[in-house]
Amino acid sequence: MANVKFDGKVYDVDTLPKEAKQRLRALQIAESEIARLKAQLNIAQTARQVYARAVKEVMPKDKG
């Protein structure tokens, strides 16, 4: 028996209607995709910082 907590309540997945199980699965997929996209965003932001530092290294120095 697997349980799932949703909206503050615990449900036995085995007793849920088929449609509820399908929608829960869709919700899990959406949450996984959000987590994956957040990870990709973190990678891109880190790369941007590295590229910005690399650009700064080759820019002419201020002679002021």
C-alpha atoms as a PDB file:
ATOM      1  CA  MET A   1       0.000   0.000   0.000  1.00  0.00           C
ATOM      2  CA  ALA A   2       1.549   3.258  -1.111  1.00  0.00           C
ATOM      3  CA  ASN A   3       0.338   6.465   0.413  1.00  0.00           C
ATOM      4  CA  VAL A   4       0.403   9.906  -1.085  1.00  0.00           C
ATOM      5  CA  LYS A   5       0.006  13.189   0.729  1.00  0.00           C
ATOM      6  CA  PHE A   6      -1.996  15.738  -1.211  1.00  0.00           C
ATOM      7  CA  ASP A   7      -3.478  18.997  -0.006  1.00  0.00           C
ATOM      8  CA  GLY A   8      -2.632  18.148   3.596  1.00  0.00           C
ATOM      9  CA  LYS A   9      -4.331  14.741   3.533  1.00  0.00           C
ATOM     10  CA  VAL A  10      -2.899  11.238   3.193  1.00  0.00           C
ATOM     11  CA  TYR A  11      -4.484   8.891   0.676  1.00  0.00           C
ATOM     12  CA  ASP A  12      -3.968   5.203  -0.037  1.00  0.00           C
ATOM     13  CA  VAL A  13      -3.104   5.187  -3.720  1.00  0.00           C
ATOM     14  CA  ASP A  14      -4.485   1.674  -4.183  1.00  0.00           C
ATOM     15  CA  THR A  15      -7.967   2.866  -3.240  1.00  0.00           C
ATOM     16  CA  LEU A  16      -8.052   5.943  -5.461  1.00  0.00           C
ATOM     17  CA  PRO A  17     -10.122   6.052  -8.641  1.00  0.00           C
ATOM     18  CA  LYS A  18      -8.222   5.513 -11.882  1.00  0.00           C
ATOM     19  CA  GLU A  19      -8.701   9.138 -12.908  1.00  0.00           C
ATOM     20  CA  ALA A  20      -7.217  10.368  -9.612  1.00  0.00           C
ATOM     21  CA  LYS A  21      -4.193   8.103 -10.104  1.00  0.00           C
ATOM     22  CA  GLN A  22      -3.700   9.415 -13.640  1.00  0.00           C
ATOM     23  CA  ARG A  23      -3.912  13.016 -12.517  1.00  0.00           C
ATOM     24  CA  LEU A  24      -1.518  12.397  -9.633  1.00  0.00           C
ATOM     25  CA  ARG A  25       0.932  10.867 -12.098  1.00  0.00           C
ATOM     26  CA  ALA A  26       0.597  13.911 -14.352  1.00  0.00           C
ATOM     27  CA  LEU A  27       1.259  16.131 -11.329  1.00  0.00           C
ATOM     28  CA  GLN A  28       4.373  14.112 -10.463  1.00  0.00           C
ATOM     29  CA  ILE A  29       5.613  14.425 -14.035  1.00  0.00           C
ATOM     30  CA  ALA A  30       5.039  18.189 -13.976  1.00  0.00           C
ATOM     31  CA  GLU A  31       6.900  18.499 -10.668  1.00  0.00           C
ATOM     32  CA  SER A  32       9.806  16.462 -12.038  1.00  0.00           C
ATOM     33  CA  GLU A  33       9.952  18.640 -15.139  1.00  0.00           C
ATOM     34  CA  ILE A  34       9.979  21.800 -13.014  1.00  0.00           C
ATOM     35  CA  ALA A  35      12.876  20.391 -10.957  1.00  0.00           C
ATOM     36  CA  ARG A  36      14.752  19.483 -14.154  1.00  0.00           C
ATOM     37  CA  LEU A  37      14.238  22.941 -15.609  1.00  0.00           C
ATOM     38  CA  LYS A  38      15.387  24.596 -12.374  1.00  0.00           C
ATOM     39  CA  ALA A  39      18.567  22.516 -12.516  1.00  0.00           C
ATOM     40  CA  GLN A  40      19.123  23.568 -16.134  1.00  0.00           C
ATOM     41  CA  LEU A  41      18.579  27.204 -15.170  1.00  0.00           C
ATOM     42  CA  ASN A  42      21.187  26.895 -12.422  1.00  0.00           C
ATOM     43  CA  ILE A  43      23.640  25.437 -14.933  1.00  0.00           C
ATOM     44  CA  ALA A  44      22.967  28.265 -17.392  1.00  0.00           C
ATOM     45  CA  GLN A  45      23.333  30.916 -14.689  1.00  0.00           C
ATOM     46  CA  THR A  46      26.650  29.431 -13.601  1.00  0.00           C
ATOM     47  CA  ALA A  47      27.866  29.358 -17.198  1.00  0.00           C
ATOM     48  CA  ARG A  48      26.806  32.987 -17.642  1.00  0.00           C
ATOM     49  CA  GLN A  49      28.891  33.985 -14.601  1.00  0.00           C
ATOM     50  CA  VAL A  50      31.918  32.139 -15.986  1.00  0.00           C
ATOM     51  CA  TYR A  51      31.489  33.766 -19.401  1.00  0.00           C
ATOM     52  CA  ALA A  52      31.105  37.214 -17.833  1.00  0.00           C
ATOM     53  CA  ARG A  53      34.359  36.730 -15.913  1.00  0.00           C
ATOM     54  CA  ALA A  54      36.074  35.556 -19.086  1.00  0.00           C
ATOM     55  CA  VAL A  55      34.894  38.650 -20.960  1.00  0.00           C
ATOM     56  CA  LYS A  56      36.062  40.883 -18.113  1.00  0.00           C
ATOM     57  CA  GLU A  57      39.536  39.335 -18.299  1.00  0.00           C
ATOM     58  CA  VAL A  58      40.012  40.344 -21.926  1.00  0.00           C
ATOM     59  CA  MET A  59      38.421  43.796 -21.801  1.00  0.00           C
ATOM     60  CA  PRO A  60      40.753  46.781 -21.974  1.00  0.00           C
ATOM     61  CA  LYS A  61      41.804  48.001 -18.541  1.00  0.00           C
ATOM     62  CA  ASP A  62      40.703  51.417 -17.324  1.00  0.00           C
ATOM     63  CA  LYS A  63      43.650  53.848 -17.366  1.00  0.00           C
ATOM     64  CA  GLY A  64      41.883  56.366 -15.140  1.00  0.00           C
END
